Protein backbone atom coordinates (compact mmCIF):
# COMPACT_ATOMS: atom_id res chain seq x y z
CA MET A 1 43.47 -16.01 -51.71
CA THR A 2 41.44 -13.56 -49.62
CA ILE A 3 38.98 -11.00 -50.98
CA VAL A 4 37.63 -8.20 -48.78
CA ILE A 5 35.08 -5.50 -49.62
CA GLY A 6 35.37 -2.26 -47.68
CA PHE A 7 32.77 0.44 -47.00
CA GLU A 8 33.88 3.99 -46.14
CA GLY A 9 31.51 6.84 -45.28
CA SER A 10 32.87 8.73 -42.30
CA ALA A 11 32.52 12.19 -43.88
CA ASN A 12 31.27 13.54 -47.21
CA LYS A 13 32.48 10.64 -49.35
CA ILE A 14 30.87 7.25 -49.75
CA GLY A 15 33.29 4.69 -51.13
CA VAL A 16 33.30 0.95 -51.71
CA GLY A 17 36.54 -0.84 -52.52
CA ILE A 18 37.56 -4.44 -53.11
CA ILE A 19 41.00 -5.82 -52.26
CA LYS A 20 42.35 -9.22 -53.29
CA ASP A 21 45.64 -10.10 -51.58
CA GLY A 22 47.09 -6.60 -51.79
CA VAL A 23 45.67 -5.79 -55.22
CA VAL A 24 43.03 -3.09 -55.63
CA LEU A 25 40.30 -4.56 -57.83
CA SER A 26 37.94 -1.59 -57.65
CA ASN A 27 37.53 1.63 -55.69
CA PRO A 28 34.56 3.81 -56.77
CA ARG A 29 33.21 6.64 -54.62
CA ARG A 30 30.78 9.54 -54.62
CA THR A 31 31.26 12.94 -52.97
CA TYR A 32 28.58 15.06 -51.34
CA ILE A 33 29.29 18.62 -52.52
CA THR A 34 27.58 21.63 -50.99
CA PRO A 35 27.33 25.19 -52.43
CA PRO A 36 30.20 27.66 -51.81
CA GLY A 37 30.17 29.04 -48.28
CA GLN A 38 28.44 25.98 -46.84
CA GLY A 39 29.78 22.93 -45.05
CA PHE A 40 28.20 19.48 -45.01
CA LEU A 41 25.86 18.59 -42.16
CA PRO A 42 25.70 15.04 -40.75
CA ARG A 43 22.03 14.44 -41.56
CA ASP A 44 22.27 15.66 -45.16
CA THR A 45 25.53 13.77 -45.68
CA ALA A 46 23.92 10.56 -44.42
CA LYS A 47 21.02 11.05 -46.85
CA HIS A 48 23.53 11.40 -49.68
CA HIS A 49 25.26 8.17 -48.66
CA GLN A 50 21.94 6.35 -48.40
CA ALA A 51 21.03 7.44 -51.90
CA CYS A 52 24.37 6.36 -53.39
CA VAL A 53 25.64 3.36 -51.46
CA LEU A 54 23.84 0.60 -53.37
CA ASP A 55 24.88 1.99 -56.75
CA VAL A 56 28.49 2.36 -55.59
CA THR A 57 28.45 -1.19 -54.21
CA SER A 58 27.16 -2.57 -57.52
CA GLU A 59 29.78 -0.55 -59.38
CA ALA A 60 32.55 -1.90 -57.15
CA LEU A 61 31.46 -5.49 -57.73
CA ASP A 62 31.12 -4.97 -61.49
CA LEU A 63 34.50 -3.25 -61.86
CA ALA A 64 36.19 -5.99 -59.85
CA GLY A 65 34.41 -8.79 -61.69
CA ILE A 66 33.53 -10.26 -58.31
CA LYS A 67 30.32 -11.89 -57.13
CA PRO A 68 29.15 -11.64 -53.50
CA GLN A 69 29.78 -15.33 -52.88
CA GLU A 70 33.47 -14.84 -53.70
CA ILE A 71 33.95 -12.26 -50.94
CA ASP A 72 35.54 -13.54 -47.74
CA CYS A 73 34.88 -10.59 -45.41
CA ILE A 74 32.98 -7.30 -45.23
CA ALA A 75 34.85 -4.36 -43.64
CA TYR A 76 33.33 -1.02 -42.70
CA THR A 77 34.50 2.20 -41.07
CA LYS A 78 33.73 2.04 -37.36
CA GLY A 79 35.13 5.53 -36.72
CA PRO A 80 36.26 8.20 -36.18
CA GLY A 81 33.90 10.38 -38.14
CA MET A 82 30.46 11.96 -38.31
CA GLY A 83 27.80 9.97 -36.50
CA ALA A 84 24.96 9.81 -39.02
CA PRO A 85 27.12 8.96 -42.08
CA LEU A 86 28.99 6.31 -40.06
CA VAL A 87 25.72 4.72 -38.95
CA CYS A 88 24.47 4.65 -42.55
CA VAL A 89 27.52 2.69 -43.70
CA ALA A 90 27.52 0.39 -40.68
CA ILE A 91 23.88 -0.57 -41.32
CA VAL A 92 24.66 -1.43 -44.95
CA ALA A 93 27.69 -3.52 -43.92
CA ARG A 94 25.70 -5.36 -41.21
CA THR A 95 22.84 -6.04 -43.62
CA LEU A 96 25.11 -7.41 -46.34
CA SER A 97 26.96 -9.49 -43.77
CA GLN A 98 23.72 -11.26 -42.93
CA LEU A 99 22.42 -11.48 -46.50
CA TRP A 100 25.69 -12.79 -47.92
CA LYS A 101 26.56 -14.80 -44.77
CA LYS A 102 30.01 -13.23 -44.54
CA PRO A 103 32.03 -12.19 -41.45
CA LEU A 104 32.14 -8.52 -40.51
CA LEU A 105 35.01 -6.26 -39.44
CA GLY A 106 34.84 -2.75 -37.96
CA ILE A 107 37.88 -0.71 -39.06
CA ASN A 108 39.56 2.38 -37.63
CA HIS A 109 39.46 5.03 -40.35
CA CYS A 110 42.95 6.33 -39.53
CA ILE A 111 44.50 2.85 -39.63
CA GLY A 112 42.85 2.38 -43.02
CA HIS A 113 44.64 5.45 -44.35
CA ILE A 114 48.00 4.27 -43.01
CA GLU A 115 47.74 0.71 -44.27
CA MET A 116 46.60 1.85 -47.69
CA GLY A 117 49.53 4.26 -47.85
CA ARG A 118 51.97 1.51 -46.91
CA LEU A 119 50.47 -0.84 -49.50
CA ILE A 120 50.63 1.64 -52.38
CA THR A 121 54.02 3.22 -51.62
CA GLY A 122 55.93 0.32 -50.15
CA ALA A 123 56.95 2.32 -47.06
CA ILE A 124 58.26 -0.08 -44.43
CA ASN A 125 58.22 1.65 -41.04
CA PRO A 126 57.63 5.35 -41.64
CA THR A 127 56.84 8.31 -39.47
CA VAL A 128 53.31 9.07 -40.62
CA LEU A 129 51.76 12.48 -41.13
CA TYR A 130 48.03 11.88 -41.15
CA VAL A 131 46.33 15.07 -42.25
CA SER A 132 42.67 15.22 -43.24
CA GLY A 133 39.43 17.07 -42.71
CA GLY A 134 38.79 15.62 -39.29
CA ASN A 135 42.21 14.48 -38.08
CA THR A 136 45.78 15.79 -37.96
CA GLN A 137 48.27 13.47 -36.27
CA VAL A 138 51.98 12.63 -36.38
CA ILE A 139 52.24 8.88 -35.86
CA ALA A 140 54.89 6.16 -35.54
CA TYR A 141 54.59 2.42 -34.98
CA SER A 142 55.83 0.94 -31.71
CA GLU A 143 54.98 -2.26 -29.85
CA ARG A 144 51.90 -3.33 -31.82
CA ARG A 145 50.28 0.09 -31.94
CA TYR A 146 50.48 3.26 -33.98
CA ARG A 147 51.54 5.83 -31.39
CA ILE A 148 50.50 9.47 -31.69
CA PHE A 149 53.44 11.83 -31.23
CA GLY A 150 51.49 15.01 -31.90
CA GLU A 151 48.03 16.13 -32.95
CA THR A 152 45.92 19.24 -33.32
CA ILE A 153 43.90 20.08 -30.21
CA ASP A 154 41.51 22.58 -31.79
CA ILE A 155 40.60 21.72 -35.39
CA ALA A 156 42.23 19.49 -37.98
CA VAL A 157 44.16 21.09 -40.85
CA GLY A 158 41.58 19.96 -43.39
CA ASN A 159 38.82 21.52 -41.32
CA CYS A 160 40.88 24.72 -41.12
CA LEU A 161 41.13 24.82 -44.91
CA ASP A 162 37.42 24.08 -45.27
CA ARG A 163 36.42 26.90 -42.92
CA PHE A 164 38.78 29.29 -44.67
CA ALA A 165 37.23 28.36 -48.01
CA ARG A 166 33.75 29.01 -46.65
CA VAL A 167 34.74 32.52 -45.53
CA LEU A 168 36.09 33.33 -48.99
CA LYS A 169 33.16 31.54 -50.71
CA ILE A 170 35.59 29.24 -52.51
CA SER A 171 33.91 26.38 -54.39
CA ASN A 172 33.58 22.98 -52.72
CA ASP A 173 33.85 21.26 -56.11
CA PRO A 174 35.85 19.02 -56.20
CA SER A 175 37.00 20.04 -52.70
CA PRO A 176 37.82 23.27 -50.82
CA GLY A 177 41.41 22.19 -50.18
CA PHE A 178 42.07 21.47 -53.84
CA ASN A 179 40.76 24.86 -54.90
CA ILE A 180 42.83 26.63 -52.22
CA GLU A 181 45.89 24.80 -53.56
CA GLN A 182 45.22 26.01 -57.10
CA MET A 183 44.63 29.60 -55.96
CA ALA A 184 47.85 29.52 -53.92
CA LYS A 185 49.77 28.54 -57.06
CA ARG A 186 48.53 31.70 -58.75
CA GLU A 187 49.75 33.88 -55.86
CA ALA A 188 53.28 34.04 -57.31
CA ALA A 189 51.99 35.82 -60.37
CA HIS A 190 50.20 38.38 -58.22
CA ARG A 191 53.30 38.88 -56.11
CA MET A 192 55.44 39.53 -59.16
CA LEU A 193 53.01 42.18 -60.30
CA ALA A 194 53.75 44.05 -57.03
CA THR A 195 50.38 45.75 -57.00
CA GLY A 196 50.35 46.06 -53.24
CA ASP A 197 46.88 44.53 -53.06
CA CYS A 198 46.07 41.48 -50.94
CA THR A 199 44.11 39.04 -53.08
CA PRO A 200 42.32 35.81 -52.16
CA GLU A 201 45.19 34.03 -53.87
CA ASP A 202 47.64 35.76 -51.52
CA LEU A 203 45.65 34.58 -48.50
CA CYS A 204 45.51 31.01 -49.80
CA PHE A 205 49.27 31.02 -50.33
CA SER A 206 49.96 32.44 -46.88
CA LEU A 207 47.68 29.96 -45.14
CA GLN A 208 49.18 26.97 -46.91
CA GLU A 209 52.79 28.00 -46.31
CA THR A 210 52.22 28.68 -42.62
CA VAL A 211 50.22 25.56 -41.83
CA PHE A 212 52.35 23.20 -43.89
CA ALA A 213 55.58 24.55 -42.40
CA MET A 214 54.21 23.70 -38.95
CA LEU A 215 53.34 20.17 -40.08
CA VAL A 216 56.76 19.57 -41.61
CA GLU A 217 58.57 20.84 -38.51
CA THR A 218 56.54 18.65 -36.17
CA THR A 219 57.04 15.63 -38.40
CA GLU A 220 60.79 16.21 -38.47
CA ARG A 221 60.88 16.34 -34.66
CA ALA A 222 59.11 12.97 -34.51
CA MET A 223 61.55 11.55 -37.05
CA ALA A 224 64.50 12.71 -34.96
CA HIS A 225 62.96 11.21 -31.83
CA CYS A 226 62.31 7.85 -33.51
CA GLY A 227 65.46 7.75 -35.63
CA SER A 228 63.22 7.36 -38.65
CA GLU A 229 64.36 7.63 -42.27
CA GLU A 230 60.92 7.47 -43.90
CA VAL A 231 57.90 9.79 -43.99
CA LEU A 232 54.50 8.70 -45.22
CA ILE A 233 51.82 11.34 -45.83
CA VAL A 234 48.22 10.08 -45.73
CA GLY A 235 44.75 11.61 -45.50
CA GLY A 236 42.84 13.89 -47.84
CA VAL A 237 45.15 16.89 -47.41
CA GLY A 238 48.08 14.57 -48.12
CA CYS A 239 47.57 14.80 -51.87
CA ASN A 240 48.41 18.53 -51.77
CA LEU A 241 51.50 18.88 -53.96
CA ARG A 242 52.85 21.86 -52.04
CA LEU A 243 52.77 19.89 -48.80
CA GLN A 244 54.55 17.01 -50.51
CA GLU A 245 57.12 19.42 -51.94
CA MET A 246 57.88 20.96 -48.54
CA MET A 247 58.10 17.56 -46.87
CA ALA A 248 60.39 16.31 -49.66
CA ALA A 249 62.77 19.23 -49.07
CA MET A 250 62.97 18.37 -45.37
CA CYS A 251 63.55 14.69 -46.14
CA GLU A 252 66.29 15.51 -48.63
CA ALA A 253 68.10 17.57 -46.02
CA ARG A 254 67.91 14.65 -43.57
CA GLY A 255 68.77 11.96 -46.10
CA ALA A 256 65.32 10.46 -45.63
CA LYS A 257 62.66 9.23 -48.06
CA ILE A 258 59.17 10.62 -48.58
CA PHE A 259 56.21 8.47 -49.56
CA ALA A 260 52.85 9.86 -50.70
CA THR A 261 49.94 8.90 -52.95
CA ASP A 262 47.58 10.75 -55.23
CA GLU A 263 43.91 11.58 -54.74
CA ARG A 264 42.78 8.01 -55.57
CA PHE A 265 44.12 6.72 -52.28
CA CYS A 266 44.80 9.83 -50.13
CA ILE A 267 41.18 10.94 -50.15
CA ASP A 268 38.72 8.76 -48.21
CA ASN A 269 38.01 5.59 -50.17
CA GLY A 270 36.63 2.10 -49.69
CA ALA A 271 39.80 0.27 -50.70
CA MET A 272 41.67 1.57 -47.67
CA ILE A 273 39.04 0.05 -45.40
CA ALA A 274 39.20 -3.18 -47.38
CA GLN A 275 43.01 -3.29 -47.06
CA ALA A 276 42.97 -2.80 -43.29
CA GLY A 277 40.18 -5.37 -43.14
CA TRP A 278 42.22 -7.79 -45.23
CA GLU A 279 45.13 -7.52 -42.80
CA MET A 280 42.94 -7.93 -39.73
CA PHE A 281 40.94 -10.81 -41.20
CA ARG A 282 44.13 -12.66 -42.16
CA ALA A 283 45.28 -12.20 -38.55
CA GLY A 284 42.10 -13.89 -37.30
CA HIS A 285 39.99 -10.90 -36.31
CA VAL A 286 36.22 -10.58 -36.86
CA THR A 287 33.56 -8.33 -35.36
CA ALA A 288 30.50 -9.99 -33.85
CA LEU A 289 27.20 -8.64 -35.14
CA GLU A 290 26.20 -7.44 -31.66
CA ASP A 291 29.48 -5.50 -31.42
CA SER A 292 29.24 -3.84 -34.83
CA TRP A 293 28.49 -0.33 -33.60
CA ILE A 294 30.22 2.91 -34.54
CA THR A 295 32.54 5.06 -32.43
CA GLN A 296 32.82 8.70 -33.45
CA ARG A 297 35.96 9.25 -31.37
CA TYR A 298 37.85 6.08 -32.24
CA ARG A 299 41.51 6.92 -31.67
CA THR A 300 44.37 5.62 -33.79
CA ASP A 301 46.31 4.35 -30.78
CA GLU A 302 43.38 2.30 -29.46
CA VAL A 303 43.91 -0.36 -32.14
CA GLU A 304 46.26 -3.29 -31.62
CA VAL A 305 48.09 -3.65 -34.93
CA THR A 306 48.85 -7.31 -35.56
CA CYS A 307 50.53 -6.85 -38.94
CA GLY A 308 52.69 -3.77 -38.28
CA SER A 309 56.35 -3.50 -39.19
């Protein structure tokens, strides 16, 4: 039996999750929400995490019914992400590692998303579409690493949606992407009215359809290249039902399977860091205290995956 607590705080969410041999015992989080038209700055986001992290940690322990002495390892997000929030979480993880006398593990945020997705859905060896606020990558496993077959070179899809929402002054509560998705659903009604006017809902619909079509096409190309029959969607944008619907249509045409999760596990959370930490710890990995820094540009394909399919 191995129990790992994971700390995630690479962007505007602070989450603490506890995993016990593939079972999620708890996974609370808090989100830093800014007014419409505003993004979240690193310094202010770090202050939010500092104010919340101890309460979220206590909540995670209480919900799991776990005491600190029962934990085998402490995992934290090493990167990629925003510098100040990452440092905040790393300091908490390092401090608890010393107080509780537990080993420490720095985790790649992207690998956390993938391993959590595989755990929840049961996907075996999928082509992965990782689409979030800070990252958009098409990934497949090969020779002990998750290889990147394609990625955005300007801004991630989630960032694109966030910036679009700021221009239209769309609410950030609970998230810009979620509110764009809901507005896009209402576009059909506007279109049927045939008023000839271009509404914010029309723009949301158009943006989603265009961007998601590009993602699906690129993912299908990677599937063809790898001979893959599975697609796993992970990352915060991955819980968008329209994206899942479009990907499912492509998979049906290819005779493939689609795997996706809901907002509990798609959106940044502590359990995904705990799960990746659980796998690494079971494989014999630990991070020395003097090596427990953060890396803002920590690439997915830098990590040797010892438990991959």
